[in-house]
Amino acid sequence: MAAERLRAPRGTFDVLPPDSGRRRWLQALCAEVLERAGFSYVETPVLESTELFARGVGASTDIVRKEMFTFSDKAGRSLTLRPENTAGICRAYIEHGMHKWPQPVRLWYWGPFFRHEAPQAGRYRQFTQVGAETLGSDDPAIDAEAILLLAEILERAGVERLRLRIASLGSPETRQAYAEELRSYLRGREAELAPEVRERLDVNPLRAFDSDHAGTRAVMAAAPRLLDRLAADDVEHFRAVLGLLDAAGLEYEVDTTLVRGLDYYTRTVFEFESAALGAQRGVGGGGRYDRLVAELGGPDTPACGWAAGVERILLAGANGPAKAGPDVVVATATGARDAVARALRLARELRAAGLAAELAEPGRALRRQLRRADRVGARAVAIVGDDLQLKMLDSGAQTPVAGPAEVVRALASGGEGADPGVTA
């Protein structure tokens, strides 16, 4: 019986060229935008204590209830593959005493995350996120800066048909009082709600706003709105954020149904959508989480941040520049050992001089090495034989050259002025 063919686990995928080049381009773009704004790159463990997410993300959330990959290690400790990174960043902020650093602390990250979801386009069980967090300031300008930085990344990445939704959740106390009001409203119309919404009424009635169920959506259309229940200081904060976005010329839509799916949010919440993605439109979003560091055992630390799905950004139209071919392919006229050794040395010297130099497979016939050079889009081929020849692939001109320095000069001048010599 034939062995079962091995495949990547369901909901995961391999990143292969040319898609890997698009990802690297997007990562470089994120680094450029965020580090220019004063954000420093950090990495946190892929594995964290399960308690971190239960306390930080919220026991009532779908992430904690249904989607985490959790297991016990050999010592019986419960560990979880990280489903998000804000809780991990806050844990690191506390553990390493970052409250003693100059405030605010600006951090950004890029890496793999894991959720046990039903796989579909743009949603996977292992996915990549880029995110940015600012800890140590409650100024509305921090909220506006976070939104503007994500907008810049998405716009420069070429994400199509963007829409920004924004709202405020106020304080946990305001939200708790509003949740009681909303719960009472929904109890009076419980028969019209989706089963999963009814199941969550006691735990988190605000999630009813996220339901796609027709009956639930009809009920929610007339539901009271949290935005109308905010305390005066929360209203002032939200108006200040909107004013800063107006001054920056960024369009947005105040959406009273936006609640986000994580319990730690306070005040500003926002989400960027792309109509290019169809029904599942979310590209990235976030908000303020002023109580999370303290809830995890640290000092009172206001904070704001966001995360965006790399796969979703790429699906929404971010293509990046096409990968350029090498400057030169180093080929060998024969497979003799000394020629191969000289080819390896030449390739190293050309790279040290700043050229992209690819070594052709020495055992192949020269014509096949030349064919590969053409297929990979090389500008020229350096042919190592009894002497060193440089062949320009656009013109077909082939000339003897003395060494790597002359190869560099010839490519810098585009091969102009060289003796055409013979053509292979």
Protein backbone atom coordinates (compact mmCIF):
# COMPACT_ATOMS: atom_id res chain seq x y z
CA MET A 1 0.00 0.00 0.00
CA ALA A 2 1.42 3.38 -1.05
CA ALA A 3 2.26 5.79 1.74
CA GLU A 4 -0.07 8.76 2.12
CA ARG A 5 1.26 11.84 0.38
CA LEU A 6 2.54 14.35 2.91
CA ARG A 7 0.99 17.81 2.74
CA ALA A 8 1.05 20.99 4.80
CA PRO A 9 -1.54 20.80 7.63
CA ARG A 10 -4.99 22.15 6.84
CA GLY A 11 -5.13 25.91 7.15
CA THR A 12 -1.38 26.35 6.62
CA PHE A 13 0.59 26.93 3.42
CA ASP A 14 4.06 27.21 1.98
CA VAL A 15 5.35 30.62 0.91
CA LEU A 16 7.14 30.13 -2.40
CA PRO A 17 8.67 32.47 -4.98
CA PRO A 18 7.48 34.83 -6.33
CA ASP A 19 5.04 35.33 -3.40
CA SER A 20 7.93 35.21 -0.94
CA GLY A 21 9.41 38.24 -2.70
CA ARG A 22 6.15 40.16 -2.30
CA ARG A 23 6.15 39.41 1.43
CA ARG A 24 9.74 40.54 1.88
CA TRP A 25 8.93 43.74 0.00
CA LEU A 26 5.91 44.37 2.26
CA GLN A 27 7.97 43.70 5.38
CA ALA A 28 10.60 46.18 4.21
CA LEU A 29 7.87 48.76 3.55
CA CYS A 30 6.46 48.28 7.07
CA ALA A 31 9.93 48.62 8.57
CA GLU A 32 10.57 51.82 6.62
CA VAL A 33 7.27 53.47 7.62
CA LEU A 34 7.30 52.43 11.28
CA GLU A 35 10.98 52.90 12.07
CA ARG A 36 10.93 56.38 10.53
CA ALA A 37 8.16 57.12 13.03
CA GLY A 38 10.32 56.01 15.97
CA PHE A 39 9.08 52.43 16.38
CA SER A 40 11.62 49.75 17.33
CA TYR A 41 11.31 46.15 16.16
CA VAL A 42 10.63 43.43 18.76
CA GLU A 43 10.00 39.70 18.76
CA THR A 44 8.04 37.83 21.40
CA PRO A 45 7.79 34.03 21.80
CA VAL A 46 5.42 32.08 19.58
CA LEU A 47 4.49 30.15 22.75
CA GLU A 48 3.01 31.95 25.74
CA SER A 49 1.28 30.91 28.94
CA THR A 50 -2.39 30.15 28.26
CA GLU A 51 -3.28 32.35 31.25
CA LEU A 52 -1.88 35.38 29.42
CA PHE A 53 -4.57 35.16 26.74
CA ALA A 54 -7.36 34.13 29.12
CA ARG A 55 -6.66 37.22 31.25
CA GLY A 56 -5.56 39.58 28.50
CA VAL A 57 -7.75 38.80 25.50
CA GLY A 58 -10.81 37.81 27.53
CA ALA A 59 -12.34 34.48 28.48
CA SER A 60 -15.57 35.38 26.68
CA THR A 61 -13.96 36.00 23.30
CA ASP A 62 -14.19 33.54 20.42
CA ILE A 63 -10.39 33.46 20.32
CA VAL A 64 -10.09 32.07 23.85
CA ARG A 65 -13.26 29.96 23.77
CA LYS A 66 -12.85 28.31 20.37
CA GLU A 67 -9.76 29.22 18.38
CA MET A 68 -6.58 28.75 20.43
CA PHE A 69 -4.07 25.94 19.90
CA THR A 70 -3.43 24.96 23.52
CA PHE A 71 -1.47 22.04 24.97
CA SER A 72 0.41 20.98 28.10
CA ASP A 73 4.19 20.75 28.14
CA LYS A 74 6.09 17.91 29.84
CA ALA A 75 5.86 19.72 33.17
CA GLY A 76 2.09 20.03 32.86
CA ARG A 77 2.09 23.77 32.15
CA SER A 78 -0.61 25.00 29.77
CA LEU A 79 0.90 26.76 26.75
CA THR A 80 -0.75 28.34 23.74
CA LEU A 81 0.47 29.21 20.27
CA ARG A 82 -0.07 32.96 20.21
CA PRO A 83 -3.36 33.98 18.53
CA GLU A 84 -2.50 37.71 18.74
CA ASN A 85 0.36 39.82 20.07
CA THR A 86 -0.93 42.76 22.10
CA ALA A 87 -1.08 40.64 25.26
CA GLY A 88 2.44 39.36 24.58
CA ILE A 89 3.78 42.89 24.07
CA CYS A 90 2.21 43.96 27.37
CA ARG A 91 3.70 40.93 29.12
CA ALA A 92 7.13 41.88 27.77
CA TYR A 93 6.60 45.53 28.79
CA ILE A 94 5.95 44.40 32.37
CA GLU A 95 8.62 41.68 32.52
CA HIS A 96 11.42 43.93 31.28
CA GLY A 97 10.46 47.05 33.22
CA MET A 98 9.77 49.12 30.12
CA HIS A 99 7.77 51.58 32.24
CA LYS A 100 11.23 52.88 33.30
CA TRP A 101 12.16 53.62 29.68
CA PRO A 102 11.44 57.02 28.13
CA GLN A 103 7.70 57.11 27.50
CA PRO A 104 5.89 56.41 25.28
CA VAL A 105 7.50 53.16 24.19
CA ARG A 106 6.91 52.50 20.49
CA LEU A 107 7.27 48.89 19.28
CA TRP A 108 6.47 47.04 16.07
CA TYR A 109 6.51 43.35 15.14
CA TRP A 110 6.04 40.90 12.27
CA GLY A 111 5.53 37.17 12.62
CA PRO A 112 3.34 34.05 12.62
CA PHE A 113 0.13 33.66 14.63
CA PHE A 114 -2.28 30.77 15.07
CA ARG A 115 -6.06 30.38 15.31
CA HIS A 116 -8.16 27.30 14.79
CA GLU A 117 -10.54 28.81 12.24
CA ALA A 118 -12.32 27.35 9.22
CA PRO A 119 -9.79 27.98 6.43
CA GLN A 120 -10.89 30.30 3.62
CA ALA A 121 -9.33 32.92 1.37
CA GLY A 122 -7.36 35.29 3.58
CA ARG A 123 -8.08 33.35 6.78
CA TYR A 124 -5.72 30.57 7.81
CA ARG A 125 -4.79 28.63 10.91
CA GLN A 126 -1.25 29.92 10.65
CA PHE A 127 -1.08 33.48 9.39
CA THR A 128 1.28 36.43 9.50
CA GLN A 129 0.58 39.77 11.15
CA VAL A 130 2.37 43.07 11.28
CA GLY A 131 1.56 45.29 14.22
CA ALA A 132 2.54 48.44 16.08
CA GLU A 133 2.01 49.31 19.75
CA THR A 134 2.55 52.57 21.65
CA LEU A 135 2.61 52.22 25.44
CA GLY A 136 2.76 54.99 28.02
CA SER A 137 0.56 57.83 26.70
CA ASP A 138 -3.17 58.59 26.72
CA ASP A 139 -2.88 61.52 24.30
CA PRO A 140 -5.40 61.44 21.41
CA ALA A 141 -2.51 62.18 19.05
CA ILE A 142 -1.21 58.65 19.76
CA ASP A 143 -4.51 57.19 18.49
CA ALA A 144 -4.41 59.39 15.40
CA GLU A 145 -0.76 58.54 14.70
CA ALA A 146 -1.49 54.80 14.93
CA ILE A 147 -4.34 55.11 12.42
CA LEU A 148 -2.34 57.31 10.04
CA LEU A 149 0.65 54.96 10.07
CA LEU A 150 -1.50 51.95 9.18
CA ALA A 151 -3.23 54.01 6.50
CA GLU A 152 0.17 54.95 5.03
CA ILE A 153 1.30 51.32 4.91
CA LEU A 154 -1.93 50.13 3.26
CA GLU A 155 -1.96 52.97 0.74
CA ARG A 156 1.70 52.57 -0.18
CA ALA A 157 1.21 48.81 -0.44
CA GLY A 158 -1.46 49.40 -3.07
CA VAL A 159 -4.43 48.00 -1.13
CA GLU A 160 -7.51 48.78 -3.18
CA ARG A 161 -10.86 50.33 -2.18
CA LEU A 162 -10.00 51.12 1.44
CA ARG A 163 -12.55 52.20 4.03
CA LEU A 164 -11.80 53.26 7.61
CA ARG A 165 -14.44 52.60 10.29
CA ILE A 166 -13.92 54.19 13.69
CA ALA A 167 -15.78 54.38 17.00
CA SER A 168 -15.21 54.68 20.74
CA LEU A 169 -15.99 52.10 23.41
CA GLY A 170 -15.44 54.49 26.32
CA SER A 171 -14.34 53.12 29.67
CA PRO A 172 -14.95 49.57 30.95
CA GLU A 173 -17.40 51.02 33.48
CA THR A 174 -19.40 52.76 30.75
CA ARG A 175 -19.31 49.62 28.62
CA GLN A 176 -20.51 47.47 31.52
CA ALA A 177 -23.50 49.73 32.14
CA TYR A 178 -24.26 49.79 28.43
CA ALA A 179 -23.96 45.99 28.23
CA GLU A 180 -26.70 45.68 30.86
CA GLU A 181 -28.92 48.03 28.85
CA LEU A 182 -28.23 46.16 25.61
CA ARG A 183 -28.77 42.78 27.26
CA SER A 184 -32.17 43.88 28.52
CA TYR A 185 -33.08 45.11 25.04
CA LEU A 186 -32.02 41.82 23.44
CA ARG A 187 -33.83 39.68 26.03
CA GLY A 188 -37.05 41.29 24.87
CA ARG A 189 -36.36 40.11 21.29
CA GLU A 190 -34.50 36.89 22.02
CA ALA A 191 -36.58 34.73 19.69
CA GLU A 192 -35.37 36.76 16.71
CA LEU A 193 -31.68 36.32 17.49
CA ALA A 194 -29.21 33.76 16.12
CA PRO A 195 -28.56 30.81 18.47
CA GLU A 196 -24.92 31.80 19.03
CA VAL A 197 -25.98 35.35 19.94
CA ARG A 198 -28.48 34.02 22.49
CA GLU A 199 -25.76 31.82 23.99
CA ARG A 200 -23.51 34.87 24.52
CA LEU A 201 -26.06 37.28 25.95
CA ASP A 202 -24.88 36.84 29.52
CA VAL A 203 -21.19 36.94 28.64
CA ASN A 204 -20.82 39.58 25.90
CA PRO A 205 -23.98 40.99 24.31
CA LEU A 206 -21.97 43.55 22.30
CA ARG A 207 -20.83 40.79 19.96
CA ALA A 208 -24.37 40.72 18.58
CA PHE A 209 -23.28 43.66 16.39
CA ASP A 210 -20.89 41.30 14.56
CA SER A 211 -23.58 38.76 13.60
CA ASP A 212 -24.43 38.14 9.94
CA HIS A 213 -27.75 36.53 10.90
CA ALA A 214 -30.61 38.42 9.19
CA GLY A 215 -32.90 38.40 12.21
CA THR A 216 -30.14 39.55 14.53
CA ARG A 217 -29.14 42.35 12.17
CA ALA A 218 -32.75 43.58 12.07
CA VAL A 219 -32.88 43.61 15.87
CA MET A 220 -29.53 45.40 16.14
CA ALA A 221 -30.59 48.12 13.72
CA ALA A 222 -32.81 49.57 16.45
CA ALA A 223 -30.56 48.72 19.39
CA PRO A 224 -29.19 51.45 21.68
CA ARG A 225 -25.68 52.58 20.80
CA LEU A 226 -22.67 52.69 23.10
CA LEU A 227 -21.41 55.82 21.35
CA ASP A 228 -24.47 57.66 22.73
CA ARG A 229 -23.64 56.57 26.31
CA LEU A 230 -20.04 57.76 26.59
CA ALA A 231 -18.83 59.82 29.54
CA ALA A 232 -17.89 63.43 28.82
CA ASP A 233 -14.11 62.84 28.93
CA ASP A 234 -14.40 59.89 26.53
CA VAL A 235 -16.46 62.02 24.14
CA GLU A 236 -13.81 64.73 24.32
CA HIS A 237 -11.04 62.21 23.60
CA PHE A 238 -12.92 60.77 20.62
CA ARG A 239 -13.64 64.21 19.16
CA ALA A 240 -9.95 65.09 19.51
CA VAL A 241 -8.95 61.95 17.57
CA LEU A 242 -11.45 62.72 14.81
CA GLY A 243 -10.24 66.31 14.64
CA LEU A 244 -6.66 65.16 14.16
CA LEU A 245 -7.70 62.78 11.38
CA ASP A 246 -9.64 65.61 9.73
CA ALA A 247 -6.58 67.84 9.92
CA ALA A 248 -4.51 65.08 8.28
CA GLY A 249 -7.05 64.72 5.48
CA LEU A 250 -7.85 61.06 6.18
CA GLU A 251 -11.41 60.03 5.37
CA TYR A 252 -13.29 57.85 7.87
CA GLU A 253 -16.76 56.68 8.79
CA VAL A 254 -17.96 56.80 12.39
CA ASP A 255 -19.59 53.39 12.84
CA THR A 256 -21.70 52.96 15.97
CA THR A 257 -21.81 49.18 15.45
CA LEU A 258 -18.03 48.71 15.58
CA VAL A 259 -17.07 46.87 18.77
CA ARG A 260 -14.04 44.72 17.78
CA GLY A 261 -13.67 41.17 19.07
CA LEU A 262 -11.32 41.58 22.02
CA ASP A 263 -12.23 42.51 25.58
CA TYR A 264 -9.24 44.75 26.33
CA TYR A 265 -10.22 47.70 24.13
CA THR A 266 -11.06 51.08 25.68
CA ARG A 267 -11.98 54.34 23.97
CA THR A 268 -10.88 54.46 20.31
CA VAL A 269 -11.37 51.39 18.11
CA PHE A 270 -10.90 51.31 14.35
CA GLU A 271 -10.80 48.95 11.40
CA PHE A 272 -9.62 49.26 7.81
CA GLU A 273 -11.59 47.31 5.22
CA SER A 274 -11.01 46.61 1.55
CA ALA A 275 -13.93 45.92 -0.77
CA ALA A 276 -11.46 43.93 -2.91
CA LEU A 277 -11.68 41.11 -0.32
CA GLY A 278 -15.41 40.43 -0.67
CA ALA A 279 -17.51 39.58 2.37
CA GLN A 280 -14.57 39.20 4.78
CA ARG A 281 -13.27 42.74 4.27
CA GLY A 282 -11.12 43.41 7.30
CA VAL A 283 -7.48 44.16 6.51
CA GLY A 284 -6.29 45.48 9.86
CA GLY A 285 -7.37 47.43 12.87
CA GLY A 286 -6.94 48.04 16.55
CA GLY A 287 -7.52 50.65 19.18
CA ARG A 288 -6.71 51.84 22.67
CA TYR A 289 -6.23 49.42 25.59
CA ASP A 290 -5.58 51.62 28.61
CA ARG A 291 -6.23 48.97 31.29
CA LEU A 292 -4.48 45.89 29.85
CA VAL A 293 -0.98 46.38 31.28
CA ALA A 294 -2.42 46.90 34.78
CA GLU A 295 -4.75 43.90 34.41
CA LEU A 296 -1.72 41.74 33.65
CA GLY A 297 0.04 42.90 36.80
CA GLY A 298 1.94 45.96 35.59
CA PRO A 299 1.63 49.66 36.40
CA ASP A 300 -1.20 51.79 35.03
CA THR A 301 -0.13 52.26 31.42
CA PRO A 302 -2.36 53.74 28.71
CA ALA A 303 -1.64 52.24 25.31
CA CYS A 304 -2.83 52.06 21.72
CA GLY A 305 -1.97 49.81 18.79
CA TRP A 306 -3.05 47.82 15.76
CA ALA A 307 -2.40 44.63 13.82
CA ALA A 308 -2.89 43.86 10.13
CA GLY A 309 -3.01 40.55 8.28
CA VAL A 310 -0.17 40.18 5.81
CA GLU A 311 -2.04 37.63 3.68
CA ARG A 312 -5.07 39.91 3.56
CA ILE A 313 -2.98 42.92 2.55
CA LEU A 314 -1.49 40.93 -0.30
CA LEU A 315 -4.91 39.60 -1.38
CA ALA A 316 -6.30 43.14 -1.39
CA GLY A 317 -3.94 44.25 -4.12
CA ALA A 318 -0.47 44.73 -2.68
CA ASN A 319 1.80 43.31 -5.35
CA GLY A 320 5.15 44.96 -4.82
CA PRO A 321 7.81 45.39 -7.47
CA ALA A 322 8.74 42.42 -9.65
CA LYS A 323 11.87 40.63 -8.52
CA ALA A 324 14.82 41.79 -10.57
CA GLY A 325 17.08 39.24 -12.20
CA PRO A 326 20.74 38.96 -11.19
CA ASP A 327 23.26 41.41 -12.58
CA VAL A 328 25.41 38.55 -13.77
CA VAL A 329 25.38 34.77 -13.95
CA VAL A 330 28.79 33.13 -13.55
CA ALA A 331 29.08 30.17 -15.90
CA THR A 332 31.89 27.72 -16.67
CA ALA A 333 32.99 26.73 -20.15
CA THR A 334 34.05 23.32 -18.79
CA GLY A 335 33.37 21.36 -15.65
CA ALA A 336 37.05 21.18 -14.77
CA ARG A 337 37.73 21.56 -11.06
CA ASP A 338 40.00 24.58 -11.45
CA ALA A 339 37.39 26.38 -13.59
CA VAL A 340 34.70 25.69 -10.99
CA ALA A 341 36.98 27.02 -8.24
CA ARG A 342 37.68 30.19 -10.23
CA ALA A 343 33.93 30.62 -10.90
CA LEU A 344 33.13 30.38 -7.18
CA ARG A 345 35.84 32.91 -6.35
CA LEU A 346 34.63 35.27 -9.08
CA ALA A 347 31.03 35.08 -7.85
CA ARG A 348 32.15 35.98 -4.32
CA GLU A 349 34.23 38.89 -5.55
CA LEU A 350 31.38 40.25 -7.67
CA ARG A 351 28.98 40.08 -4.72
CA ALA A 352 31.53 41.82 -2.51
CA ALA A 353 31.64 44.57 -5.16
CA GLY A 354 27.87 45.04 -4.83
CA LEU A 355 26.59 43.01 -7.79
CA ALA A 356 23.91 40.32 -7.65
CA ALA A 357 25.88 37.34 -8.96
CA GLU A 358 24.35 33.88 -9.37
CA LEU A 359 26.45 30.78 -9.95
CA ALA A 360 25.23 28.60 -12.79
CA GLU A 361 25.37 24.84 -12.31
CA PRO A 362 28.95 24.01 -13.39
CA GLY A 363 28.17 20.49 -14.56
CA ARG A 364 25.75 21.69 -17.21
CA ALA A 365 26.64 22.32 -20.81
CA LEU A 366 27.49 25.97 -21.43
CA ARG A 367 24.50 26.50 -23.71
CA ARG A 368 22.18 25.36 -20.89
CA GLN A 369 23.89 27.71 -18.45
CA LEU A 370 23.38 30.56 -20.92
CA ARG A 371 19.73 29.58 -21.36
CA ARG A 372 19.17 29.69 -17.60
CA ALA A 373 20.80 33.11 -17.40
CA ASP A 374 18.34 34.36 -19.98
CA ARG A 375 15.36 32.80 -18.17
CA VAL A 376 16.23 34.34 -14.81
CA GLY A 377 16.55 37.78 -16.41
CA ALA A 378 20.29 38.28 -15.92
CA ARG A 379 21.97 41.26 -17.57
CA ALA A 380 25.15 39.40 -18.41
CA VAL A 381 27.05 36.11 -18.16
CA ALA A 382 30.65 35.86 -16.98
CA ILE A 383 32.07 32.74 -18.64
CA VAL A 384 35.05 31.15 -16.89
CA GLY A 385 37.23 29.05 -19.19
CA ASP A 386 40.80 29.40 -20.38
CA ASP A 387 40.16 33.10 -19.94
CA LEU A 388 37.25 35.20 -18.63
CA GLN A 389 34.59 36.33 -21.10
CA LEU A 390 31.66 38.69 -20.43
CA LYS A 391 28.53 38.21 -22.55
CA MET A 392 25.87 40.98 -22.50
CA LEU A 393 22.51 39.29 -22.95
CA ASP A 394 20.66 42.28 -24.42
CA SER A 395 23.10 42.77 -27.33
CA GLY A 396 24.77 39.37 -27.48
CA ALA A 397 28.18 41.07 -27.37
CA GLN A 398 30.88 38.92 -25.81
CA THR A 399 34.35 40.25 -24.88
CA PRO A 400 37.32 39.09 -22.86
CA VAL A 401 37.74 40.85 -19.50
CA ALA A 402 40.66 40.88 -17.10
CA GLY A 403 38.78 40.20 -13.87
CA PRO A 404 35.92 41.20 -11.54
CA ALA A 405 36.76 44.91 -11.58
CA GLU A 406 36.33 45.04 -15.35
CA VAL A 407 33.02 43.11 -15.08
CA VAL A 408 31.78 45.73 -12.60
CA ARG A 409 32.86 48.59 -14.89
CA ALA A 410 31.28 47.00 -17.95
CA LEU A 411 27.93 46.51 -16.19
CA ALA A 412 28.05 50.03 -14.75
CA SER A 413 28.40 51.39 -18.29
CA GLY A 414 25.80 49.02 -19.70
CA GLY A 415 28.44 47.22 -21.74
CA GLU A 416 28.89 50.23 -24.00
CA GLY A 417 32.26 50.71 -25.65
CA ALA A 418 33.30 47.07 -25.29
CA ASP A 419 34.72 45.22 -28.26
CA PRO A 420 31.91 42.95 -29.54
CA GLY A 421 34.40 40.13 -30.03
CA VAL A 422 32.82 36.79 -30.81
CA THR A 423 29.25 35.74 -30.17
CA ALA A 424 28.56 32.34 -28.66
